[in-house]
């Protein structure tokens, strides 16, 4: 049974067959150093909780219309949240790394839309997008360096 450094529930994770385990790999479950594990190892769990609250506040301070208040951030595998966006030029791009772990969540739009907000944070950026069912038709709302 895999164990996580951040206390994520590995047994319920759909990625558990692909993951090498956070504790077993010293914070590199997909081959790259997880910033969450590194933060906890160097600053402790209490500081990490404060860090997550700060990021949630940063998302809330954006005041994006229709986006509910961010109250919880979860560790998420890049391969799960690395959606493809179409730029005005028609080029399709992804902004994340499939092998990294990010903090994020899915939030239902307050306007009664069938679209959701996806929020993702790394140690140095915030990303907000909207998308339809199963991540279809993703639209980038905002990418901001922290």
N, C-alpha and C. Protein backbone atom coordinates (compact mmCIF):
# COMPACT_ATOMS: atom_id res chain seq x y z
N UNK A 1 0.84 -1.17 0.00
CA UNK A 1 0.00 0.00 0.00
C UNK A 1 0.89 1.25 0.00
N UNK A 2 0.65 2.15 -0.94
CA UNK A 2 1.41 3.39 -1.04
C UNK A 2 1.04 4.32 0.10
N UNK A 3 2.02 5.10 0.53
CA UNK A 3 1.77 6.12 1.54
C UNK A 3 2.21 7.45 0.97
N UNK A 4 1.44 8.47 1.32
CA UNK A 4 1.79 9.80 0.83
C UNK A 4 2.39 10.63 1.95
N UNK A 5 3.18 11.59 1.58
CA UNK A 5 3.75 12.53 2.53
C UNK A 5 2.71 13.58 2.91
N UNK A 6 1.83 13.93 1.97
CA UNK A 6 0.84 14.98 2.19
C UNK A 6 -0.48 14.47 2.75
N UNK A 7 -0.55 13.19 3.04
CA UNK A 7 -1.74 12.56 3.60
C UNK A 7 -2.87 12.39 2.59
N UNK A 8 -2.56 12.45 1.32
CA UNK A 8 -3.56 12.14 0.30
C UNK A 8 -3.93 10.67 0.44
N UNK A 9 -5.16 10.32 0.12
CA UNK A 9 -5.63 8.94 0.23
C UNK A 9 -5.24 8.17 -1.02
N UNK A 10 -4.12 7.49 -0.96
CA UNK A 10 -3.59 6.77 -2.12
C UNK A 10 -4.47 5.60 -2.54
N UNK A 11 -5.13 4.96 -1.61
CA UNK A 11 -5.94 3.78 -1.93
C UNK A 11 -7.14 4.12 -2.79
N UNK A 12 -7.67 5.33 -2.67
CA UNK A 12 -8.84 5.74 -3.46
C UNK A 12 -8.45 6.46 -4.75
N UNK A 13 -7.16 6.63 -4.99
CA UNK A 13 -6.71 7.37 -6.16
C UNK A 13 -6.77 6.50 -7.42
N UNK A 14 -7.33 7.06 -8.49
CA UNK A 14 -7.40 6.32 -9.75
C UNK A 14 -6.02 6.20 -10.42
N UNK A 15 -5.05 6.96 -9.94
CA UNK A 15 -3.69 6.92 -10.51
C UNK A 15 -2.78 5.92 -9.79
N UNK A 16 -3.30 5.20 -8.80
CA UNK A 16 -2.44 4.37 -7.95
C UNK A 16 -1.68 3.30 -8.73
N UNK A 17 -2.19 2.86 -9.86
CA UNK A 17 -1.48 1.84 -10.64
C UNK A 17 -0.29 2.43 -11.39
N UNK A 18 -0.30 3.74 -11.62
CA UNK A 18 0.78 4.41 -12.34
C UNK A 18 1.77 5.09 -11.39
N UNK A 19 1.33 5.32 -10.15
CA UNK A 19 2.12 6.06 -9.17
C UNK A 19 3.12 5.13 -8.48
N UNK A 20 4.31 5.65 -8.23
CA UNK A 20 5.34 4.87 -7.54
C UNK A 20 5.35 5.10 -6.04
N UNK A 21 4.38 5.85 -5.54
CA UNK A 21 4.28 6.11 -4.11
C UNK A 21 5.14 7.28 -3.67
N UNK A 22 4.53 8.19 -2.98
CA UNK A 22 5.24 9.40 -2.56
C UNK A 22 6.28 9.09 -1.48
N UNK A 23 5.86 8.42 -0.43
CA UNK A 23 6.79 8.11 0.65
C UNK A 23 7.88 7.16 0.17
N UNK A 24 7.52 6.21 -0.67
CA UNK A 24 8.49 5.22 -1.18
C UNK A 24 9.54 5.84 -2.09
N UNK A 25 9.21 6.96 -2.74
CA UNK A 25 10.15 7.59 -3.68
C UNK A 25 10.72 8.89 -3.13
N UNK A 26 10.52 9.15 -1.85
CA UNK A 26 11.00 10.37 -1.20
C UNK A 26 10.44 11.63 -1.88
N UNK A 27 9.15 11.55 -2.24
CA UNK A 27 8.48 12.72 -2.81
C UNK A 27 8.56 12.86 -4.32
N UNK A 28 8.84 11.76 -5.02
CA UNK A 28 8.92 11.79 -6.49
C UNK A 28 8.03 10.69 -7.08
N UNK A 29 6.72 10.71 -6.83
CA UNK A 29 5.86 9.60 -7.24
C UNK A 29 5.77 9.35 -8.74
N UNK A 30 5.97 10.38 -9.54
CA UNK A 30 5.92 10.24 -11.00
C UNK A 30 7.26 10.55 -11.64
N UNK A 31 8.31 10.51 -10.82
CA UNK A 31 9.66 10.70 -11.34
C UNK A 31 10.25 12.09 -11.13
N UNK A 32 9.42 13.06 -10.79
CA UNK A 32 9.89 14.42 -10.53
C UNK A 32 9.56 14.79 -9.09
N UNK A 33 10.38 15.66 -8.52
CA UNK A 33 10.17 16.08 -7.13
C UNK A 33 8.84 16.81 -6.98
N UNK A 34 8.00 16.33 -6.10
CA UNK A 34 6.72 16.96 -5.81
C UNK A 34 6.96 18.15 -4.89
N UNK A 35 6.51 19.35 -5.29
CA UNK A 35 6.75 20.54 -4.48
C UNK A 35 5.99 20.45 -3.16
N UNK A 36 4.88 19.74 -3.13
CA UNK A 36 4.10 19.58 -1.90
C UNK A 36 4.90 18.77 -0.88
N UNK A 37 5.43 17.64 -1.33
CA UNK A 37 6.24 16.79 -0.44
C UNK A 37 7.47 17.56 0.05
N UNK A 38 8.11 18.27 -0.85
CA UNK A 38 9.29 19.05 -0.49
C UNK A 38 8.95 20.12 0.54
N UNK A 39 7.82 20.78 0.35
CA UNK A 39 7.39 21.82 1.27
C UNK A 39 7.15 21.23 2.66
N UNK A 40 6.48 20.09 2.72
CA UNK A 40 6.19 19.45 4.00
C UNK A 40 7.48 18.97 4.67
N UNK A 41 8.38 18.40 3.89
CA UNK A 41 9.63 17.89 4.47
C UNK A 41 10.50 19.02 5.02
N UNK A 42 10.47 20.19 4.39
CA UNK A 42 11.34 21.28 4.85
C UNK A 42 10.64 22.21 5.84
N UNK A 43 9.32 22.41 5.71
CA UNK A 43 8.63 23.37 6.55
C UNK A 43 7.64 22.79 7.53
N UNK A 44 7.31 21.51 7.37
CA UNK A 44 6.34 20.87 8.26
C UNK A 44 4.92 21.00 7.76
N UNK A 45 4.05 20.16 8.32
CA UNK A 45 2.65 20.11 7.89
C UNK A 45 1.89 21.39 8.21
N UNK A 46 2.15 21.98 9.38
CA UNK A 46 1.44 23.20 9.75
C UNK A 46 1.74 24.34 8.78
N UNK A 47 3.01 24.49 8.40
CA UNK A 47 3.37 25.52 7.41
C UNK A 47 2.74 25.22 6.06
N UNK A 48 2.65 23.95 5.70
CA UNK A 48 2.03 23.59 4.44
C UNK A 48 0.54 23.95 4.45
N UNK A 49 -0.14 23.71 5.56
CA UNK A 49 -1.55 24.09 5.66
C UNK A 49 -1.72 25.60 5.51
N UNK A 50 -0.83 26.37 6.10
CA UNK A 50 -0.86 27.83 5.95
C UNK A 50 -0.59 28.23 4.50
N UNK A 51 0.32 27.52 3.86
CA UNK A 51 0.63 27.77 2.44
C UNK A 51 -0.61 27.53 1.58
N UNK A 52 -1.32 26.43 1.82
CA UNK A 52 -2.55 26.13 1.07
C UNK A 52 -3.60 27.22 1.29
N UNK A 53 -3.73 27.69 2.53
CA UNK A 53 -4.69 28.76 2.81
C UNK A 53 -4.32 30.03 2.05
N UNK A 54 -3.03 30.32 1.98
CA UNK A 54 -2.56 31.51 1.24
C UNK A 54 -2.91 31.39 -0.24
N UNK A 55 -2.70 30.22 -0.81
CA UNK A 55 -3.04 30.02 -2.22
C UNK A 55 -4.54 30.15 -2.43
N UNK A 56 -5.35 29.56 -1.54
CA UNK A 56 -6.81 29.68 -1.66
C UNK A 56 -7.20 31.16 -1.61
N UNK A 57 -6.58 31.92 -0.70
CA UNK A 57 -6.86 33.36 -0.63
C UNK A 57 -6.49 34.07 -1.93
N UNK A 58 -5.37 33.67 -2.53
CA UNK A 58 -4.95 34.28 -3.80
C UNK A 58 -5.98 34.00 -4.89
N UNK A 59 -6.50 32.77 -4.95
CA UNK A 59 -7.55 32.46 -5.92
C UNK A 59 -8.79 33.31 -5.63
N UNK A 60 -9.19 33.39 -4.37
CA UNK A 60 -10.39 34.16 -4.01
C UNK A 60 -10.23 35.64 -4.30
N UNK A 61 -9.03 36.15 -4.14
CA UNK A 61 -8.78 37.57 -4.41
C UNK A 61 -8.91 37.92 -5.90
N UNK A 62 -8.91 36.92 -6.76
CA UNK A 62 -9.07 37.17 -8.20
C UNK A 62 -10.49 37.64 -8.53
N UNK A 63 -11.45 37.25 -7.70
CA UNK A 63 -12.85 37.66 -7.86
C UNK A 63 -13.36 37.41 -9.28
N UNK A 64 -13.19 36.19 -9.74
CA UNK A 64 -13.64 35.81 -11.08
C UNK A 64 -15.14 35.59 -11.04
N UNK A 65 -15.91 36.29 -11.88
CA UNK A 65 -17.38 36.15 -11.87
C UNK A 65 -17.81 34.70 -12.08
N UNK A 66 -18.70 34.24 -11.21
CA UNK A 66 -19.24 32.89 -11.33
C UNK A 66 -18.42 31.81 -10.63
N UNK A 67 -17.20 32.16 -10.22
CA UNK A 67 -16.36 31.16 -9.55
C UNK A 67 -16.61 31.23 -8.04
N UNK A 68 -17.04 30.10 -7.45
CA UNK A 68 -17.28 30.11 -6.00
C UNK A 68 -16.00 30.26 -5.19
N UNK A 69 -16.18 30.52 -3.92
CA UNK A 69 -15.06 30.68 -3.00
C UNK A 69 -14.26 29.36 -2.94
N UNK A 70 -12.96 29.49 -3.01
CA UNK A 70 -12.07 28.33 -2.89
C UNK A 70 -11.87 28.04 -1.42
N UNK A 71 -12.26 26.84 -1.02
CA UNK A 71 -12.13 26.46 0.38
C UNK A 71 -11.21 25.27 0.58
N UNK A 72 -10.93 24.53 -0.49
CA UNK A 72 -10.11 23.33 -0.35
C UNK A 72 -9.25 23.15 -1.60
N UNK A 73 -8.01 22.77 -1.38
CA UNK A 73 -7.10 22.45 -2.46
C UNK A 73 -6.59 21.03 -2.24
N UNK A 74 -6.56 20.26 -3.31
CA UNK A 74 -6.14 18.87 -3.24
C UNK A 74 -4.90 18.64 -4.08
N UNK A 75 -4.04 17.72 -3.68
CA UNK A 75 -2.92 17.34 -4.55
C UNK A 75 -3.48 16.61 -5.78
N UNK A 76 -3.06 17.03 -6.97
CA UNK A 76 -3.56 16.44 -8.20
C UNK A 76 -2.40 16.15 -9.15
N UNK A 77 -2.43 14.99 -9.76
CA UNK A 77 -1.40 14.62 -10.73
C UNK A 77 -1.54 15.47 -11.99
N UNK A 78 -0.42 15.92 -12.51
CA UNK A 78 -0.42 16.73 -13.71
C UNK A 78 -1.13 16.05 -14.87
N UNK A 79 -0.95 14.76 -15.03
CA UNK A 79 -1.58 14.05 -16.14
C UNK A 79 -3.11 14.10 -16.06
N UNK A 80 -3.64 14.31 -14.89
CA UNK A 80 -5.08 14.39 -14.69
C UNK A 80 -5.62 15.79 -15.00
N UNK A 81 -4.83 16.82 -14.75
CA UNK A 81 -5.31 18.20 -14.89
C UNK A 81 -4.67 18.98 -16.02
N UNK A 82 -3.80 18.36 -16.79
CA UNK A 82 -3.10 19.05 -17.86
C UNK A 82 -3.96 19.08 -19.12
N UNK A 83 -4.91 20.00 -19.12
CA UNK A 83 -5.85 20.11 -20.24
C UNK A 83 -5.22 20.85 -21.41
N UNK A 84 -5.78 20.63 -22.57
CA UNK A 84 -5.29 21.28 -23.78
C UNK A 84 -6.16 22.50 -24.08
N UNK A 85 -5.51 23.61 -24.37
CA UNK A 85 -6.21 24.87 -24.66
C UNK A 85 -5.90 25.29 -26.09
N UNK A 86 -6.88 25.89 -26.75
CA UNK A 86 -6.69 26.40 -28.10
C UNK A 86 -6.43 27.89 -28.01
N UNK A 87 -5.28 28.32 -28.49
CA UNK A 87 -4.91 29.73 -28.50
C UNK A 87 -5.63 30.45 -29.64
N UNK A 88 -5.72 31.78 -29.60
CA UNK A 88 -6.37 32.52 -30.69
C UNK A 88 -5.78 32.19 -32.07
N UNK A 89 -4.51 31.80 -32.11
CA UNK A 89 -3.87 31.45 -33.38
C UNK A 89 -4.32 30.09 -33.89
N UNK A 90 -5.05 29.34 -33.05
CA UNK A 90 -5.47 27.99 -33.42
C UNK A 90 -4.55 26.91 -32.89
N UNK A 91 -3.39 27.32 -32.39
CA UNK A 91 -2.43 26.36 -31.83
C UNK A 91 -3.00 25.75 -30.55
N UNK A 92 -2.79 24.44 -30.37
CA UNK A 92 -3.22 23.74 -29.16
C UNK A 92 -2.02 23.59 -28.23
N UNK A 93 -2.21 23.99 -26.96
CA UNK A 93 -1.11 23.94 -26.01
C UNK A 93 -1.57 23.39 -24.66
N UNK A 94 -0.60 22.83 -23.95
CA UNK A 94 -0.78 22.43 -22.56
C UNK A 94 0.24 23.22 -21.75
N UNK A 95 -0.16 23.67 -20.57
CA UNK A 95 0.71 24.50 -19.76
C UNK A 95 1.38 23.76 -18.61
N UNK A 96 0.91 22.57 -18.30
CA UNK A 96 1.41 21.84 -17.14
C UNK A 96 2.29 20.68 -17.56
N UNK A 97 2.85 20.01 -16.58
CA UNK A 97 3.71 18.86 -16.79
C UNK A 97 2.99 17.63 -16.24
N UNK A 98 2.78 16.64 -17.08
CA UNK A 98 2.06 15.44 -16.67
C UNK A 98 2.69 14.74 -15.47
N UNK A 99 3.99 14.88 -15.27
CA UNK A 99 4.68 14.17 -14.21
C UNK A 99 4.86 14.98 -12.93
N UNK A 100 4.26 16.15 -12.85
CA UNK A 100 4.31 16.95 -11.63
C UNK A 100 3.01 16.80 -10.85
N UNK A 101 3.06 17.19 -9.59
CA UNK A 101 1.89 17.24 -8.74
C UNK A 101 1.57 18.72 -8.50
N UNK A 102 0.28 19.05 -8.53
CA UNK A 102 -0.17 20.41 -8.32
C UNK A 102 -1.23 20.44 -7.22
N UNK A 103 -1.57 21.62 -6.76
CA UNK A 103 -2.70 21.79 -5.86
C UNK A 103 -3.85 22.33 -6.69
N UNK A 104 -5.04 21.78 -6.50
CA UNK A 104 -6.16 22.26 -7.28
C UNK A 104 -7.50 21.75 -6.81
N UNK A 105 -8.51 22.11 -7.58
CA UNK A 105 -9.86 21.67 -7.28
C UNK A 105 -10.75 21.96 -8.49
N UNK A 106 -11.92 21.35 -8.48
CA UNK A 106 -12.96 21.62 -9.47
C UNK A 106 -14.09 22.31 -8.74
N UNK A 107 -14.58 23.41 -9.30
CA UNK A 107 -15.64 24.19 -8.68
C UNK A 107 -16.78 24.36 -9.67
N UNK A 108 -18.00 24.14 -9.21
CA UNK A 108 -19.16 24.30 -10.08
C UNK A 108 -19.44 25.79 -10.29
N UNK A 109 -19.72 26.16 -11.51
CA UNK A 109 -20.02 27.55 -11.83
C UNK A 109 -21.28 28.01 -11.10
N UNK A 110 -21.22 29.19 -10.51
CA UNK A 110 -22.36 29.73 -9.76
C UNK A 110 -23.50 30.22 -10.66
N UNK A 111 -23.27 30.31 -11.95
CA UNK A 111 -24.29 30.80 -12.87
C UNK A 111 -25.19 29.70 -13.41
N UNK A 112 -25.11 28.50 -12.86
CA UNK A 112 -25.96 27.41 -13.30
C UNK A 112 -25.54 26.81 -14.63
N UNK A 113 -24.35 27.07 -15.06
CA UNK A 113 -23.82 26.56 -16.32
C UNK A 113 -23.45 25.09 -16.15
N UNK A 114 -23.33 24.39 -17.27
CA UNK A 114 -22.86 23.00 -17.22
C UNK A 114 -21.34 22.94 -17.23
N UNK A 115 -20.69 24.09 -17.16
CA UNK A 115 -19.23 24.14 -17.14
C UNK A 115 -18.75 24.26 -15.70
N UNK A 116 -17.53 23.81 -15.49
CA UNK A 116 -16.89 23.90 -14.18
C UNK A 116 -15.66 24.77 -14.28
N UNK A 117 -15.26 25.30 -13.15
CA UNK A 117 -13.98 25.98 -13.04
C UNK A 117 -12.95 24.96 -12.56
N UNK A 118 -11.81 24.98 -13.18
CA UNK A 118 -10.68 24.20 -12.71
C UNK A 118 -9.64 25.18 -12.20
N UNK A 119 -9.17 24.95 -10.99
CA UNK A 119 -8.13 25.81 -10.43
C UNK A 119 -6.91 24.95 -10.14
N UNK A 120 -5.74 25.43 -10.54
CA UNK A 120 -4.49 24.70 -10.36
C UNK A 120 -3.44 25.69 -9.89
N UNK A 121 -2.65 25.26 -8.90
CA UNK A 121 -1.54 26.09 -8.42
C UNK A 121 -0.28 25.25 -8.36
N UNK A 122 0.80 25.88 -8.76
CA UNK A 122 2.13 25.35 -8.55
C UNK A 122 2.83 26.27 -7.57
N UNK A 123 4.07 26.03 -7.28
CA UNK A 123 4.76 26.90 -6.33
C UNK A 123 4.90 28.33 -6.83
N UNK A 124 4.79 28.53 -8.15
CA UNK A 124 5.04 29.86 -8.69
C UNK A 124 3.96 30.36 -9.66
N UNK A 125 2.79 29.74 -9.69
CA UNK A 125 1.73 30.20 -10.60
C UNK A 125 0.35 29.79 -10.11
N UNK A 126 -0.67 30.49 -10.64
CA UNK A 126 -2.08 30.13 -10.49
C UNK A 126 -2.65 29.99 -11.88
N UNK A 127 -3.52 29.00 -12.08
CA UNK A 127 -4.18 28.81 -13.35
C UNK A 127 -5.66 28.59 -13.07
N UNK A 128 -6.51 29.29 -13.81
CA UNK A 128 -7.95 29.10 -13.73
C UNK A 128 -8.46 28.84 -15.13
N UNK A 129 -9.30 27.82 -15.26
CA UNK A 129 -9.90 27.52 -16.56
C UNK A 129 -11.35 27.12 -16.35
N UNK A 130 -12.07 27.02 -17.44
CA UNK A 130 -13.41 26.42 -17.42
C UNK A 130 -13.40 25.28 -18.41
N UNK A 131 -14.29 24.33 -18.19
CA UNK A 131 -14.38 23.18 -19.09
C UNK A 131 -15.73 22.51 -18.92
N UNK A 132 -16.07 21.71 -19.93
CA UNK A 132 -17.30 20.94 -19.89
C UNK A 132 -17.05 19.57 -19.30
N UNK A 133 -17.98 18.69 -19.51
CA UNK A 133 -17.91 17.34 -18.97
C UNK A 133 -16.61 16.63 -19.38
N UNK A 134 -15.98 16.00 -18.42
CA UNK A 134 -14.72 15.26 -18.62
C UNK A 134 -13.59 16.13 -19.18
N UNK A 135 -13.60 17.43 -18.86
CA UNK A 135 -12.53 18.32 -19.29
C UNK A 135 -12.62 18.78 -20.73
N UNK A 136 -13.74 18.55 -21.38
CA UNK A 136 -13.87 18.92 -22.80
C UNK A 136 -14.00 20.43 -22.96
N UNK A 137 -13.53 20.89 -24.11
CA UNK A 137 -13.64 22.31 -24.50
C UNK A 137 -13.08 23.24 -23.43
N UNK A 138 -11.88 22.92 -22.96
CA UNK A 138 -11.25 23.74 -21.93
C UNK A 138 -10.93 25.13 -22.46
N UNK A 139 -11.20 26.13 -21.63
CA UNK A 139 -10.88 27.52 -21.96
C UNK A 139 -10.07 28.11 -20.81
N UNK A 140 -8.94 28.69 -21.15
CA UNK A 140 -8.10 29.33 -20.15
C UNK A 140 -8.73 30.66 -19.74
N UNK A 141 -8.94 30.83 -18.45
CA UNK A 141 -9.48 32.08 -17.93
C UNK A 141 -8.33 32.99 -17.50
N UNK A 142 -7.32 32.40 -16.81
CA UNK A 142 -6.25 33.20 -16.29
C UNK A 142 -5.06 32.31 -15.95
N UNK A 143 -3.87 32.78 -16.29
CA UNK A 143 -2.62 32.18 -15.85
C UNK A 143 -1.80 33.31 -15.26
N UNK A 144 -1.40 33.17 -14.01
CA UNK A 144 -0.73 34.27 -13.32
C UNK A 144 0.48 33.75 -12.57
N UNK A 145 1.60 34.41 -12.76
CA UNK A 145 2.79 34.10 -11.96
C UNK A 145 2.54 34.60 -10.55
N UNK A 146 3.04 33.84 -9.58
CA UNK A 146 2.90 34.26 -8.17
C UNK A 146 4.15 34.99 -7.73
